[in-house]
N, C-alpha and C. Protein backbone atom coordinates (compact mmCIF):
# COMPACT_ATOMS: atom_id res chain seq x y z
N MET A 1 0.84 -1.17 0.00
CA MET A 1 0.00 0.00 0.00
C MET A 1 0.89 1.24 0.00
N THR A 2 0.50 2.24 -0.76
CA THR A 2 1.21 3.50 -0.82
C THR A 2 0.49 4.52 0.04
N VAL A 3 1.26 5.32 0.73
CA VAL A 3 0.68 6.37 1.55
C VAL A 3 0.74 7.67 0.77
N LEU A 4 -0.39 8.36 0.74
CA LEU A 4 -0.48 9.64 0.05
C LEU A 4 -0.71 10.71 1.11
N GLN A 5 0.14 11.70 1.14
CA GLN A 5 -0.02 12.75 2.14
C GLN A 5 -0.80 13.92 1.55
N VAL A 6 -1.85 14.31 2.26
CA VAL A 6 -2.65 15.47 1.89
C VAL A 6 -2.90 16.27 3.16
N SER A 7 -3.34 17.49 2.98
CA SER A 7 -3.63 18.32 4.15
C SER A 7 -4.78 17.71 4.95
N GLU A 8 -4.84 18.03 6.22
CA GLU A 8 -5.91 17.52 7.07
C GLU A 8 -7.27 18.00 6.57
N THR A 9 -7.33 19.22 6.07
CA THR A 9 -8.60 19.76 5.54
C THR A 9 -9.10 18.93 4.37
N LEU A 10 -8.19 18.61 3.44
CA LEU A 10 -8.56 17.80 2.28
C LEU A 10 -8.92 16.39 2.71
N ALA A 11 -8.16 15.83 3.63
CA ALA A 11 -8.45 14.47 4.12
C ALA A 11 -9.84 14.41 4.75
N GLU A 12 -10.21 15.42 5.52
CA GLU A 12 -11.54 15.46 6.14
C GLU A 12 -12.64 15.56 5.07
N ALA A 13 -12.41 16.38 4.05
CA ALA A 13 -13.40 16.52 2.97
C ALA A 13 -13.57 15.20 2.24
N ILE A 14 -12.49 14.50 1.98
CA ILE A 14 -12.56 13.20 1.29
C ILE A 14 -13.30 12.19 2.16
N ARG A 15 -12.95 12.13 3.45
CA ARG A 15 -13.63 11.21 4.37
C ARG A 15 -15.14 11.50 4.41
N TYR A 16 -15.49 12.76 4.52
CA TYR A 16 -16.89 13.16 4.60
C TYR A 16 -17.65 12.72 3.34
N GLU A 17 -17.08 13.02 2.18
CA GLU A 17 -17.75 12.67 0.91
C GLU A 17 -17.88 11.16 0.76
N ALA A 18 -16.86 10.41 1.13
CA ALA A 18 -16.91 8.95 1.04
C ALA A 18 -17.98 8.40 1.98
N GLU A 19 -17.99 8.90 3.21
CA GLU A 19 -18.98 8.42 4.20
C GLU A 19 -20.40 8.76 3.75
N THR A 20 -20.59 9.94 3.21
CA THR A 20 -21.91 10.37 2.74
C THR A 20 -22.44 9.40 1.70
N ARG A 21 -21.56 8.84 0.90
CA ARG A 21 -21.95 7.92 -0.17
C ARG A 21 -21.83 6.45 0.26
N ALA A 22 -21.50 6.23 1.51
CA ALA A 22 -21.32 4.86 2.04
C ALA A 22 -20.28 4.09 1.23
N GLN A 23 -19.16 4.76 0.96
CA GLN A 23 -18.07 4.14 0.19
C GLN A 23 -16.79 4.23 1.01
N SER A 24 -15.88 3.32 0.67
CA SER A 24 -14.55 3.45 1.27
C SER A 24 -13.86 4.65 0.61
N ILE A 25 -12.87 5.18 1.27
CA ILE A 25 -12.12 6.31 0.71
C ILE A 25 -11.50 5.90 -0.62
N GLU A 26 -10.95 4.71 -0.68
CA GLU A 26 -10.32 4.24 -1.92
C GLU A 26 -11.32 4.13 -3.06
N ASP A 27 -12.48 3.55 -2.79
CA ASP A 27 -13.51 3.44 -3.82
C ASP A 27 -13.98 4.81 -4.28
N PHE A 28 -14.21 5.70 -3.30
CA PHE A 28 -14.65 7.05 -3.63
C PHE A 28 -13.64 7.76 -4.54
N LEU A 29 -12.36 7.70 -4.17
CA LEU A 29 -11.34 8.36 -4.98
C LEU A 29 -11.20 7.73 -6.37
N ALA A 30 -11.36 6.42 -6.45
CA ALA A 30 -11.29 5.75 -7.76
C ALA A 30 -12.43 6.24 -8.66
N ILE A 31 -13.63 6.36 -8.09
CA ILE A 31 -14.78 6.84 -8.87
C ILE A 31 -14.56 8.28 -9.31
N VAL A 32 -14.09 9.12 -8.41
CA VAL A 32 -13.83 10.53 -8.74
C VAL A 32 -12.79 10.64 -9.85
N LEU A 33 -11.74 9.86 -9.76
CA LEU A 33 -10.70 9.90 -10.79
C LEU A 33 -11.21 9.41 -12.14
N ARG A 34 -12.01 8.35 -12.16
CA ARG A 34 -12.60 7.87 -13.43
C ARG A 34 -13.50 8.92 -14.04
N ARG A 35 -14.32 9.55 -13.20
CA ARG A 35 -15.23 10.59 -13.70
C ARG A 35 -14.44 11.77 -14.27
N GLU A 36 -13.39 12.18 -13.58
CA GLU A 36 -12.57 13.29 -14.06
C GLU A 36 -11.89 12.93 -15.39
N ARG A 37 -11.41 11.69 -15.51
CA ARG A 37 -10.78 11.24 -16.76
C ARG A 37 -11.80 11.27 -17.89
N THR A 38 -13.02 10.81 -17.61
CA THR A 38 -14.07 10.82 -18.63
C THR A 38 -14.39 12.24 -19.07
N LEU A 39 -14.54 13.15 -18.12
CA LEU A 39 -14.83 14.55 -18.47
C LEU A 39 -13.70 15.17 -19.28
N ALA A 40 -12.47 14.91 -18.88
CA ALA A 40 -11.32 15.44 -19.62
C ALA A 40 -11.28 14.88 -21.04
N ASP A 41 -11.57 13.59 -21.19
CA ASP A 41 -11.60 12.97 -22.52
C ASP A 41 -12.69 13.60 -23.39
N ARG A 42 -13.86 13.83 -22.79
CA ARG A 42 -14.96 14.45 -23.54
C ARG A 42 -14.59 15.86 -24.01
N ARG A 43 -13.97 16.62 -23.10
CA ARG A 43 -13.54 17.99 -23.49
C ARG A 43 -12.55 17.92 -24.64
N LYS A 44 -11.61 16.98 -24.56
CA LYS A 44 -10.61 16.85 -25.63
C LYS A 44 -11.28 16.50 -26.95
N ILE A 45 -12.20 15.56 -26.94
CA ILE A 45 -12.89 15.15 -28.17
C ILE A 45 -13.67 16.33 -28.75
N GLU A 46 -14.34 17.09 -27.89
CA GLU A 46 -15.08 18.26 -28.38
C GLU A 46 -14.15 19.29 -29.00
N GLU A 47 -12.99 19.51 -28.38
CA GLU A 47 -12.01 20.44 -28.94
C GLU A 47 -11.46 19.95 -30.28
N GLU A 48 -11.22 18.63 -30.37
CA GLU A 48 -10.72 18.06 -31.63
C GLU A 48 -11.77 18.22 -32.73
N GLN A 49 -13.04 17.98 -32.38
CA GLN A 49 -14.11 18.12 -33.36
C GLN A 49 -14.25 19.58 -33.81
N ASP A 50 -14.18 20.51 -32.86
CA ASP A 50 -14.24 21.93 -33.21
C ASP A 50 -13.12 22.30 -34.17
N TRP A 51 -11.92 21.78 -33.89
CA TRP A 51 -10.78 22.07 -34.75
C TRP A 51 -11.03 21.52 -36.16
N TRP A 52 -11.44 20.25 -36.23
CA TRP A 52 -11.67 19.61 -37.53
C TRP A 52 -12.72 20.38 -38.34
N LEU A 53 -13.81 20.73 -37.68
CA LEU A 53 -14.90 21.41 -38.39
C LEU A 53 -14.54 22.85 -38.73
N SER A 54 -13.50 23.40 -38.13
CA SER A 54 -13.08 24.76 -38.45
C SER A 54 -12.19 24.81 -39.69
N LEU A 55 -11.74 23.64 -40.14
CA LEU A 55 -10.91 23.61 -41.35
C LEU A 55 -11.77 23.98 -42.56
N PRO A 56 -11.15 24.56 -43.57
CA PRO A 56 -11.92 24.89 -44.77
C PRO A 56 -12.56 23.64 -45.38
N LEU A 57 -13.76 23.81 -45.93
CA LEU A 57 -14.46 22.69 -46.55
C LEU A 57 -13.62 22.04 -47.63
N SER A 58 -12.87 22.84 -48.35
CA SER A 58 -12.04 22.28 -49.42
C SER A 58 -11.00 21.31 -48.88
N GLU A 59 -10.51 21.57 -47.68
CA GLU A 59 -9.52 20.68 -47.07
C GLU A 59 -10.18 19.39 -46.58
N ARG A 60 -11.36 19.53 -45.98
CA ARG A 60 -12.06 18.36 -45.47
C ARG A 60 -12.64 17.51 -46.60
N ALA A 61 -12.95 18.14 -47.73
CA ALA A 61 -13.60 17.45 -48.85
C ALA A 61 -12.74 16.33 -49.42
N GLN A 62 -11.43 16.45 -49.30
CA GLN A 62 -10.56 15.41 -49.85
C GLN A 62 -10.72 14.07 -49.13
N TYR A 63 -11.37 14.09 -47.96
CA TYR A 63 -11.59 12.86 -47.19
C TYR A 63 -13.05 12.40 -47.26
N GLU A 64 -13.77 12.92 -48.23
CA GLU A 64 -15.18 12.57 -48.41
C GLU A 64 -15.34 11.05 -48.49
N GLY A 65 -16.33 10.54 -47.78
CA GLY A 65 -16.59 9.10 -47.79
C GLY A 65 -15.68 8.31 -46.87
N GLN A 66 -14.86 9.00 -46.09
CA GLN A 66 -13.94 8.33 -45.19
C GLN A 66 -14.22 8.74 -43.74
N PHE A 67 -13.57 8.05 -42.84
CA PHE A 67 -13.57 8.42 -41.44
C PHE A 67 -12.20 9.01 -41.14
N VAL A 68 -12.17 9.99 -40.25
CA VAL A 68 -10.91 10.63 -39.89
C VAL A 68 -10.63 10.41 -38.41
N ALA A 69 -9.35 10.40 -38.07
CA ALA A 69 -8.90 10.33 -36.68
C ALA A 69 -8.10 11.59 -36.41
N VAL A 70 -8.49 12.32 -35.36
CA VAL A 70 -7.83 13.59 -35.02
C VAL A 70 -7.31 13.51 -33.60
N HIS A 71 -6.05 13.90 -33.43
CA HIS A 71 -5.42 13.90 -32.11
C HIS A 71 -4.50 15.12 -32.02
N ASN A 72 -4.66 15.88 -30.95
CA ASN A 72 -3.86 17.09 -30.73
C ASN A 72 -3.94 18.05 -31.92
N ARG A 73 -5.17 18.25 -32.41
CA ARG A 73 -5.44 19.17 -33.53
C ARG A 73 -4.62 18.82 -34.78
N ARG A 74 -4.54 17.53 -35.01
CA ARG A 74 -3.83 17.03 -36.18
C ARG A 74 -4.58 15.83 -36.73
N LEU A 75 -4.73 15.77 -38.03
CA LEU A 75 -5.30 14.58 -38.66
C LEU A 75 -4.22 13.52 -38.62
N ILE A 76 -4.48 12.44 -37.89
CA ILE A 76 -3.44 11.42 -37.74
C ILE A 76 -3.65 10.21 -38.64
N ASP A 77 -4.90 10.02 -39.12
CA ASP A 77 -5.16 8.87 -39.97
C ASP A 77 -6.56 9.03 -40.58
N HIS A 78 -6.82 8.27 -41.62
CA HIS A 78 -8.14 8.27 -42.26
C HIS A 78 -8.31 6.97 -43.02
N ASP A 79 -9.57 6.58 -43.20
CA ASP A 79 -9.84 5.33 -43.87
C ASP A 79 -11.33 5.25 -44.21
N ARG A 80 -11.66 4.55 -45.28
CA ARG A 80 -13.07 4.31 -45.60
C ARG A 80 -13.68 3.28 -44.65
N ASP A 81 -12.84 2.42 -44.12
CA ASP A 81 -13.27 1.36 -43.21
C ASP A 81 -13.10 1.85 -41.76
N GLU A 82 -14.22 2.17 -41.12
CA GLU A 82 -14.17 2.70 -39.76
C GLU A 82 -13.52 1.73 -38.78
N LEU A 83 -13.84 0.46 -38.89
CA LEU A 83 -13.29 -0.53 -37.98
C LEU A 83 -11.77 -0.65 -38.13
N ALA A 84 -11.29 -0.64 -39.36
CA ALA A 84 -9.84 -0.72 -39.59
C ALA A 84 -9.14 0.50 -38.99
N LEU A 85 -9.74 1.67 -39.18
CA LEU A 85 -9.18 2.90 -38.62
C LEU A 85 -9.16 2.82 -37.10
N ARG A 86 -10.28 2.40 -36.52
CA ARG A 86 -10.38 2.28 -35.06
C ARG A 86 -9.30 1.35 -34.51
N ARG A 87 -9.09 0.23 -35.18
CA ARG A 87 -8.07 -0.73 -34.72
C ARG A 87 -6.67 -0.12 -34.77
N ARG A 88 -6.35 0.58 -35.86
CA ARG A 88 -5.02 1.20 -35.95
C ARG A 88 -4.82 2.25 -34.86
N VAL A 89 -5.84 3.08 -34.66
CA VAL A 89 -5.74 4.14 -33.65
C VAL A 89 -5.59 3.54 -32.26
N ARG A 90 -6.42 2.54 -31.92
CA ARG A 90 -6.32 1.91 -30.60
C ARG A 90 -4.97 1.23 -30.41
N SER A 91 -4.45 0.63 -31.47
CA SER A 91 -3.15 -0.04 -31.40
C SER A 91 -2.04 0.96 -31.07
N LYS A 92 -2.10 2.13 -31.67
CA LYS A 92 -1.05 3.13 -31.49
C LYS A 92 -1.27 4.00 -30.25
N TYR A 93 -2.52 4.41 -29.99
CA TYR A 93 -2.79 5.37 -28.93
C TYR A 93 -3.44 4.77 -27.69
N GLU A 94 -3.71 3.48 -27.73
CA GLU A 94 -4.29 2.73 -26.62
C GLU A 94 -5.50 3.45 -26.03
N LYS A 95 -5.44 3.90 -24.79
CA LYS A 95 -6.60 4.49 -24.11
C LYS A 95 -6.68 6.01 -24.26
N THR A 96 -5.78 6.61 -25.00
CA THR A 96 -5.81 8.05 -25.20
C THR A 96 -7.05 8.43 -26.01
N ALA A 97 -7.70 9.51 -25.61
CA ALA A 97 -8.91 9.98 -26.33
C ALA A 97 -8.50 10.53 -27.70
N VAL A 98 -9.06 9.93 -28.74
CA VAL A 98 -8.81 10.35 -30.13
C VAL A 98 -10.16 10.47 -30.81
N LEU A 99 -10.37 11.57 -31.51
CA LEU A 99 -11.63 11.77 -32.23
C LEU A 99 -11.66 10.89 -33.47
N LEU A 100 -12.74 10.10 -33.62
CA LEU A 100 -13.00 9.34 -34.83
C LEU A 100 -14.38 9.77 -35.31
N MET A 101 -14.45 10.24 -36.54
CA MET A 101 -15.74 10.69 -37.06
C MET A 101 -15.74 10.65 -38.57
N PRO A 102 -16.93 10.62 -39.17
CA PRO A 102 -16.98 10.70 -40.63
C PRO A 102 -16.50 12.08 -41.06
N ALA A 103 -15.71 12.11 -42.11
CA ALA A 103 -15.27 13.40 -42.65
C ALA A 103 -16.48 14.03 -43.34
N GLU A 104 -16.69 15.28 -43.06
CA GLU A 104 -17.81 15.97 -43.71
C GLU A 104 -17.38 16.43 -45.09
N ARG A 105 -18.31 16.39 -45.98
CA ARG A 105 -18.03 16.88 -47.32
C ARG A 105 -18.87 18.14 -47.54
N PRO A 106 -18.50 18.97 -48.45
CA PRO A 106 -19.35 20.11 -48.75
C PRO A 106 -20.72 19.60 -49.19
N ARG A 107 -21.73 20.17 -48.63
CA ARG A 107 -23.09 19.74 -48.97
C ARG A 107 -23.83 20.87 -49.66
N GLU A 108 -24.64 20.47 -50.61
CA GLU A 108 -25.47 21.44 -51.31
C GLU A 108 -26.70 21.68 -50.44
N ILE A 109 -27.00 22.93 -50.24
CA ILE A 109 -28.18 23.28 -49.45
C ILE A 109 -29.25 23.75 -50.41
N ARG A 110 -30.37 23.11 -50.33
CA ARG A 110 -31.48 23.47 -51.22
C ARG A 110 -32.65 23.91 -50.37
N GLU A 111 -33.32 24.91 -50.85
CA GLU A 111 -34.53 25.34 -50.18
C GLU A 111 -35.69 24.63 -50.85
N VAL A 112 -36.47 23.99 -50.04
CA VAL A 112 -37.60 23.25 -50.58
C VAL A 112 -38.88 24.00 -50.21
N CYS A 113 -39.66 24.31 -51.21
CA CYS A 113 -40.93 24.99 -50.98
C CYS A 113 -42.05 24.03 -51.33
N GLN A 114 -43.02 24.02 -50.50
CA GLN A 114 -44.16 23.14 -50.76
C GLN A 114 -45.42 23.93 -50.45
N THR A 115 -46.37 23.82 -51.31
CA THR A 115 -47.64 24.49 -51.10
C THR A 115 -48.60 23.50 -50.49
N TRP A 116 -49.16 23.91 -49.38
CA TRP A 116 -50.11 23.06 -48.70
C TRP A 116 -51.52 23.50 -49.05
N ARG A 117 -52.36 22.54 -49.33
CA ARG A 117 -53.77 22.83 -49.62
C ARG A 117 -54.65 22.23 -48.55
N ARG A 118 -55.63 22.96 -48.19
CA ARG A 118 -56.63 22.41 -47.27
C ARG A 118 -57.77 21.87 -48.11
N ASP A 119 -58.10 20.67 -47.84
CA ASP A 119 -59.22 20.05 -48.59
C ASP A 119 -60.51 20.16 -47.83
């Protein structure tokens, strides 16, 4: 077992929160750490998606019909086969959060007008 030194104030807060939830301190801290990792991963994925979608359509269009993998604001891989891409990314980056998504292509926007009749 490893001993972790924290201030008495923090130790009391941790004990209180664990007791409130009827959990051991170790279980409570493990849950808190998993939740924080999940939130951090989600923030990273959102930032990667924002970056990808901020690229000019002409740049993204070259990957039309493919899936892209983005890590640290960089396109790291792409493939038409999502599963193959996922396997390569997991093999190289293991548990690191990496954005995998279909590459968007420029889309034609059409206005559709329809006349409704009451019978």
